[in-house]
Amino acid sequence: SGCIRIVTNPQCVNYYTTSRIIIQMLIERRINQTIGLISLRLIIRDSMNKKAFTLIELLAVIVILGILATIAVPTIVGVINNSKESTLDEQKNVIENAASNWGTDNFRKLPSTSCYLSIDFLRKEGYLESDKDVIDPTTDEEMKGCVKVEYESENNQYKYTYTDTCGTQCGID
């Protein structure tokens, strides 16, 4: 019609302006939709391009970790057990040294055969700390053994050996 071509016609100005606004709105809306679609496509494409682990890859990792665990756990347990055994041997040495110190201080009370000194006795006499329990690290229980004191005539000296059983107590007044 003549209204679109002739802008100066006062009757057509509103129609032209309204048409222009509507067209502009449609163009903007179409651009926004296009931008939205492009953005959505980029998001989808990015998420599809991201590498994810497949089930097979995850299972392979789990199997490898299992194999490593079967190798590492026994080794670690062995190291812990060796450490506990070493600690137990060291505690026995401390108890034997305490008995040896008692024997040195009380050599007249020692018989020419063998006798036993209990951990409790060594505590009471002050040769072991009285406020601390002597714990066996392998069982986490209190040690209740004794030190066997034996006279070795060939060496003319006493031998001190920790044992879990107690016999005749050494000469106690």
C-alpha atoms as a PDB file:
ATOM      1  CA  SER A   1       0.000   0.000   0.000  1.00  0.00           C
ATOM      2  CA  GLY A   2       0.940   3.643  -0.275  1.00  0.00           C
ATOM      3  CA  CYS A   3       1.409   4.029   3.455  1.00  0.00           C
ATOM      4  CA  ILE A   4       4.669   2.164   3.568  1.00  0.00           C
ATOM      5  CA  ARG A   5       6.149   4.127   0.722  1.00  0.00           C
ATOM      6  CA  ILE A   6       4.969   7.553   1.759  1.00  0.00           C
ATOM      7  CA  VAL A   7       6.175   8.377   5.215  1.00  0.00           C
ATOM      8  CA  THR A   8       5.105  11.983   5.126  1.00  0.00           C
ATOM      9  CA  ASN A   9       1.415  11.112   4.933  1.00  0.00           C
ATOM     10  CA  PRO A  10       0.057  11.888   8.450  1.00  0.00           C
ATOM     11  CA  GLN A  11      -2.450   9.010   8.302  1.00  0.00           C
ATOM     12  CA  CYS A  12       0.301   6.467   7.596  1.00  0.00           C
ATOM     13  CA  VAL A  13       2.873   7.588  10.178  1.00  0.00           C
ATOM     14  CA  ASN A  14       1.325   5.544  12.993  1.00  0.00           C
ATOM     15  CA  TYR A  15       0.983   2.504  10.769  1.00  0.00           C
ATOM     16  CA  TYR A  16       4.564   2.823   9.569  1.00  0.00           C
ATOM     17  CA  THR A  17       5.944   3.392  13.076  1.00  0.00           C
ATOM     18  CA  THR A  18       3.941   0.502  14.507  1.00  0.00           C
ATOM     19  CA  SER A  19       5.020  -1.799  11.689  1.00  0.00           C
ATOM     20  CA  ARG A  20       8.608  -0.799  12.138  1.00  0.00           C
ATOM     21  CA  ILE A  21       8.445  -1.430  15.897  1.00  0.00           C
ATOM     22  CA  ILE A  22       6.796  -4.822  15.387  1.00  0.00           C
ATOM     23  CA  ILE A  23       9.365  -5.826  12.772  1.00  0.00           C
ATOM     24  CA  GLN A  24      12.144  -4.638  15.021  1.00  0.00           C
ATOM     25  CA  MET A  25      10.699  -6.618  17.923  1.00  0.00           C
ATOM     26  CA  LEU A  26      10.397  -9.742  15.760  1.00  0.00           C
ATOM     27  CA  ILE A  27      13.967  -9.339  14.551  1.00  0.00           C
ATOM     28  CA  GLU A  28      15.242  -8.855  18.122  1.00  0.00           C
ATOM     29  CA  ARG A  29      13.210 -11.807  19.346  1.00  0.00           C
ATOM     30  CA  ARG A  30      14.541 -13.951  16.526  1.00  0.00           C
ATOM     31  CA  ILE A  31      18.087 -12.840  17.291  1.00  0.00           C
ATOM     32  CA  ASN A  32      17.602 -13.620  20.993  1.00  0.00           C
ATOM     33  CA  GLN A  33      16.160 -17.032  20.158  1.00  0.00           C
ATOM     34  CA  THR A  34      19.023 -17.690  17.785  1.00  0.00           C
ATOM     35  CA  ILE A  35      21.557 -16.637  20.391  1.00  0.00           C
ATOM     36  CA  GLY A  36      19.779 -18.847  22.917  1.00  0.00           C
ATOM     37  CA  LEU A  37      19.843 -21.796  20.532  1.00  0.00           C
ATOM     38  CA  ILE A  38      23.496 -21.208  19.714  1.00  0.00           C
ATOM     39  CA  SER A  39      24.316 -21.012  23.445  1.00  0.00           C
ATOM     40  CA  LEU A  40      22.352 -24.191  24.116  1.00  0.00           C
ATOM     41  CA  ARG A  41      24.093 -25.961  21.268  1.00  0.00           C
ATOM     42  CA  LEU A  42      27.494 -24.841  22.565  1.00  0.00           C
ATOM     43  CA  ILE A  43      26.671 -26.101  26.053  1.00  0.00           C
ATOM     44  CA  ILE A  44      25.514 -29.454  24.686  1.00  0.00           C
ATOM     45  CA  ARG A  45      28.527 -29.741  22.406  1.00  0.00           C
ATOM     46  CA  ASP A  46      30.908 -28.857  25.261  1.00  0.00           C
ATOM     47  CA  SER A  47      29.338 -31.425  27.542  1.00  0.00           C
ATOM     48  CA  MET A  48      29.535 -34.057  24.803  1.00  0.00           C
ATOM     49  CA  ASN A  49      33.164 -33.196  24.070  1.00  0.00           C
ATOM     50  CA  LYS A  50      34.166 -33.691  27.697  1.00  0.00           C
ATOM     51  CA  LYS A  51      35.776 -37.078  28.113  1.00  0.00           C
ATOM     52  CA  ALA A  52      34.177 -39.229  30.785  1.00  0.00           C
ATOM     53  CA  PHE A  53      35.365 -42.586  32.112  1.00  0.00           C
ATOM     54  CA  THR A  54      33.645 -45.609  30.714  1.00  0.00           C
ATOM     55  CA  LEU A  55      32.528 -48.470  32.913  1.00  0.00           C
ATOM     56  CA  ILE A  56      35.380 -50.623  31.601  1.00  0.00           C
ATOM     57  CA  GLU A  57      37.947 -47.989  32.525  1.00  0.00           C
ATOM     58  CA  LEU A  58      36.505 -47.665  36.029  1.00  0.00           C
ATOM     59  CA  LEU A  59      36.518 -51.442  36.489  1.00  0.00           C
ATOM     60  CA  ALA A  60      40.131 -51.613  35.299  1.00  0.00           C
ATOM     61  CA  VAL A  61      41.142 -48.997  37.875  1.00  0.00           C
ATOM     62  CA  ILE A  62      39.306 -50.891  40.616  1.00  0.00           C
ATOM     63  CA  VAL A  63      41.048 -54.147  39.641  1.00  0.00           C
ATOM     64  CA  ILE A  64      44.457 -52.442  39.662  1.00  0.00           C
ATOM     65  CA  LEU A  65      43.751 -50.925  43.095  1.00  0.00           C
ATOM     66  CA  GLY A  66      42.693 -54.360  44.347  1.00  0.00           C
ATOM     67  CA  ILE A  67      45.923 -55.926  43.106  1.00  0.00           C
ATOM     68  CA  LEU A  68      47.972 -53.182  44.766  1.00  0.00           C
ATOM     69  CA  ALA A  69      46.041 -53.672  48.009  1.00  0.00           C
ATOM     70  CA  THR A  70      46.691 -57.425  48.007  1.00  0.00           C
ATOM     71  CA  ILE A  71      50.393 -56.695  47.669  1.00  0.00           C
ATOM     72  CA  ALA A  72      50.612 -53.749  50.076  1.00  0.00           C
ATOM     73  CA  VAL A  73      48.393 -54.890  52.971  1.00  0.00           C
ATOM     74  CA  PRO A  74      50.379 -58.036  53.889  1.00  0.00           C
ATOM     75  CA  THR A  75      53.614 -56.067  53.654  1.00  0.00           C
ATOM     76  CA  ILE A  76      52.292 -53.324  55.936  1.00  0.00           C
ATOM     77  CA  VAL A  77      50.883 -55.886  58.394  1.00  0.00           C
ATOM     78  CA  GLY A  78      54.265 -57.642  58.404  1.00  0.00           C
ATOM     79  CA  VAL A  79      56.080 -54.398  59.160  1.00  0.00           C
ATOM     80  CA  ILE A  80      53.659 -53.632  62.004  1.00  0.00           C
ATOM     81  CA  ASN A  81      54.067 -57.140  63.472  1.00  0.00           C
ATOM     82  CA  ASN A  82      57.874 -56.908  63.244  1.00  0.00           C
ATOM     83  CA  SER A  83      57.721 -53.554  64.995  1.00  0.00           C
ATOM     84  CA  LYS A  84      55.591 -55.013  67.788  1.00  0.00           C
ATOM     85  CA  GLU A  85      57.960 -57.963  68.180  1.00  0.00           C
ATOM     86  CA  SER A  86      60.946 -55.588  68.358  1.00  0.00           C
ATOM     87  CA  THR A  87      59.180 -53.506  70.984  1.00  0.00           C
ATOM     88  CA  LEU A  88      58.384 -56.649  72.999  1.00  0.00           C
ATOM     89  CA  ASP A  89      62.037 -57.761  72.835  1.00  0.00           C
ATOM     90  CA  GLU A  90      63.120 -54.309  73.987  1.00  0.00           C
ATOM     91  CA  GLN A  91      60.687 -54.412  76.913  1.00  0.00           C
ATOM     92  CA  LYS A  92      61.990 -57.837  77.909  1.00  0.00           C
ATOM     93  CA  ASN A  93      65.544 -56.441  77.813  1.00  0.00           C
ATOM     94  CA  VAL A  94      64.507 -53.562  80.099  1.00  0.00           C
ATOM     95  CA  ILE A  95      62.912 -56.016  82.554  1.00  0.00           C
ATOM     96  CA  GLU A  96      65.988 -58.283  82.431  1.00  0.00           C
ATOM     97  CA  ASN A  97      68.265 -55.271  83.059  1.00  0.00           C
ATOM     98  CA  ALA A  98      66.106 -54.249  86.037  1.00  0.00           C
ATOM     99  CA  ALA A  99      66.455 -57.791  87.433  1.00  0.00           C
ATOM    100  CA  SER A 100      70.203 -57.684  86.794  1.00  0.00           C
ATOM    101  CA  ASN A 101      70.431 -54.394  88.706  1.00  0.00           C
ATOM    102  CA  TRP A 102      68.479 -55.951  91.581  1.00  0.00           C
ATOM    103  CA  GLY A 103      70.834 -58.971  91.479  1.00  0.00           C
ATOM    104  CA  THR A 104      73.885 -56.703  91.585  1.00  0.00           C
ATOM    105  CA  ASP A 105      72.485 -54.836  94.603  1.00  0.00           C
ATOM    106  CA  ASN A 106      71.357 -58.055  96.356  1.00  0.00           C
ATOM    107  CA  PHE A 107      73.892 -60.675  95.218  1.00  0.00           C
ATOM    108  CA  ARG A 108      73.975 -62.251  98.710  1.00  0.00           C
ATOM    109  CA  LYS A 109      70.288 -63.157  98.360  1.00  0.00           C
ATOM    110  CA  LEU A 110      70.810 -65.052  95.091  1.00  0.00           C
ATOM    111  CA  PRO A 111      70.998 -68.832  95.326  1.00  0.00           C
ATOM    112  CA  SER A 112      73.555 -71.007  93.548  1.00  0.00           C
ATOM    113  CA  THR A 113      70.803 -72.591  91.426  1.00  0.00           C
ATOM    114  CA  SER A 114      67.930 -70.571  89.926  1.00  0.00           C
ATOM    115  CA  CYS A 115      65.086 -68.387  91.116  1.00  0.00           C
ATOM    116  CA  TYR A 116      62.561 -65.913  89.691  1.00  0.00           C
ATOM    117  CA  LEU A 117      61.927 -62.178  90.045  1.00  0.00           C
ATOM    118  CA  SER A 118      58.417 -61.000  89.159  1.00  0.00           C
ATOM    119  CA  ILE A 119      57.642 -57.722  87.446  1.00  0.00           C
ATOM    120  CA  ASP A 120      55.541 -56.675  90.444  1.00  0.00           C
ATOM    121  CA  PHE A 121      58.461 -57.360  92.788  1.00  0.00           C
ATOM    122  CA  LEU A 122      60.841 -55.299  90.627  1.00  0.00           C
ATOM    123  CA  ARG A 123      58.279 -52.465  90.697  1.00  0.00           C
ATOM    124  CA  LYS A 124      57.944 -52.601  94.479  1.00  0.00           C
ATOM    125  CA  GLU A 125      61.709 -52.565  94.859  1.00  0.00           C
ATOM    126  CA  GLY A 126      61.970 -49.502  92.577  1.00  0.00           C
ATOM    127  CA  TYR A 127      63.796 -51.155  89.690  1.00  0.00           C
ATOM    128  CA  LEU A 128      60.851 -50.603  87.300  1.00  0.00           C
ATOM    129  CA  GLU A 129      58.554 -47.586  87.152  1.00  0.00           C
ATOM    130  CA  SER A 130      55.710 -48.284  89.551  1.00  0.00           C
ATOM    131  CA  ASP A 131      53.157 -45.952  87.995  1.00  0.00           C
ATOM    132  CA  LYS A 132      53.254 -47.555  84.537  1.00  0.00           C
ATOM    133  CA  ASP A 133      51.963 -50.945  83.456  1.00  0.00           C
ATOM    134  CA  VAL A 134      54.262 -53.063  81.328  1.00  0.00           C
ATOM    135  CA  ILE A 135      52.163 -53.826  78.255  1.00  0.00           C
ATOM    136  CA  ASP A 136      52.863 -56.583  75.758  1.00  0.00           C
ATOM    137  CA  PRO A 137      52.571 -54.783  72.375  1.00  0.00           C
ATOM    138  CA  THR A 138      51.651 -57.992  70.544  1.00  0.00           C
ATOM    139  CA  THR A 139      48.582 -58.669  72.719  1.00  0.00           C
ATOM    140  CA  ASP A 140      47.970 -55.233  74.308  1.00  0.00           C
ATOM    141  CA  GLU A 141      47.734 -56.965  77.686  1.00  0.00           C
ATOM    142  CA  GLU A 142      49.770 -56.387  80.827  1.00  0.00           C
ATOM    143  CA  MET A 143      52.879 -58.528  81.067  1.00  0.00           C
ATOM    144  CA  LYS A 144      52.748 -60.827  84.126  1.00  0.00           C
ATOM    145  CA  GLY A 145      55.945 -62.841  83.590  1.00  0.00           C
ATOM    146  CA  CYS A 146      59.120 -63.165  85.618  1.00  0.00           C
ATOM    147  CA  VAL A 147      62.844 -63.022  85.092  1.00  0.00           C
ATOM    148  CA  LYS A 148      64.562 -66.334  85.666  1.00  0.00           C
ATOM    149  CA  VAL A 149      67.878 -65.848  87.437  1.00  0.00           C
ATOM    150  CA  GLU A 150      70.261 -68.763  86.814  1.00  0.00           C
ATOM    151  CA  TYR A 151      73.767 -69.223  88.085  1.00  0.00           C
ATOM    152  CA  GLU A 152      76.198 -70.319  85.373  1.00  0.00           C
ATOM    153  CA  SER A 153      79.079 -72.008  87.116  1.00  0.00           C
ATOM    154  CA  GLU A 154      81.262 -72.207  83.982  1.00  0.00           C
ATOM    155  CA  ASN A 155      81.160 -68.407  83.656  1.00  0.00           C
ATOM    156  CA  ASN A 156      80.805 -67.783  87.390  1.00  0.00           C
ATOM    157  CA  GLN A 157      77.967 -65.323  86.778  1.00  0.00           C
ATOM    158  CA  TYR A 158      74.198 -65.054  86.766  1.00  0.00           C
ATOM    159  CA  LYS A 159      72.094 -65.147  83.629  1.00  0.00           C
ATOM    160  CA  TYR A 160      68.805 -63.186  83.505  1.00  0.00           C
ATOM    161  CA  THR A 161      66.084 -64.403  81.126  1.00  0.00           C
ATOM    162  CA  TYR A 162      62.486 -63.190  80.869  1.00  0.00           C
ATOM    163  CA  THR A 163      59.842 -65.958  80.955  1.00  0.00           C
ATOM    164  CA  ASP A 164      56.053 -65.933  80.964  1.00  0.00           C
ATOM    165  CA  THR A 165      55.931 -68.344  83.915  1.00  0.00           C
ATOM    166  CA  CYS A 166      57.122 -67.795  87.449  1.00  0.00           C
ATOM    167  CA  GLY A 167      58.736 -70.275  89.820  1.00  0.00           C
ATOM    168  CA  THR A 168      60.388 -69.986  93.212  1.00  0.00           C
ATOM    169  CA  GLN A 169      60.897 -66.329  94.134  1.00  0.00           C
ATOM    170  CA  CYS A 170      64.472 -65.248  94.727  1.00  0.00           C
ATOM    171  CA  GLY A 171      65.630 -64.789  98.349  1.00  0.00           C
ATOM    172  CA  ILE A 172      63.271 -62.183  99.705  1.00  0.00           C
ATOM    173  CA  ASP A 173      63.574 -61.103 103.333  1.00  0.00           C
END
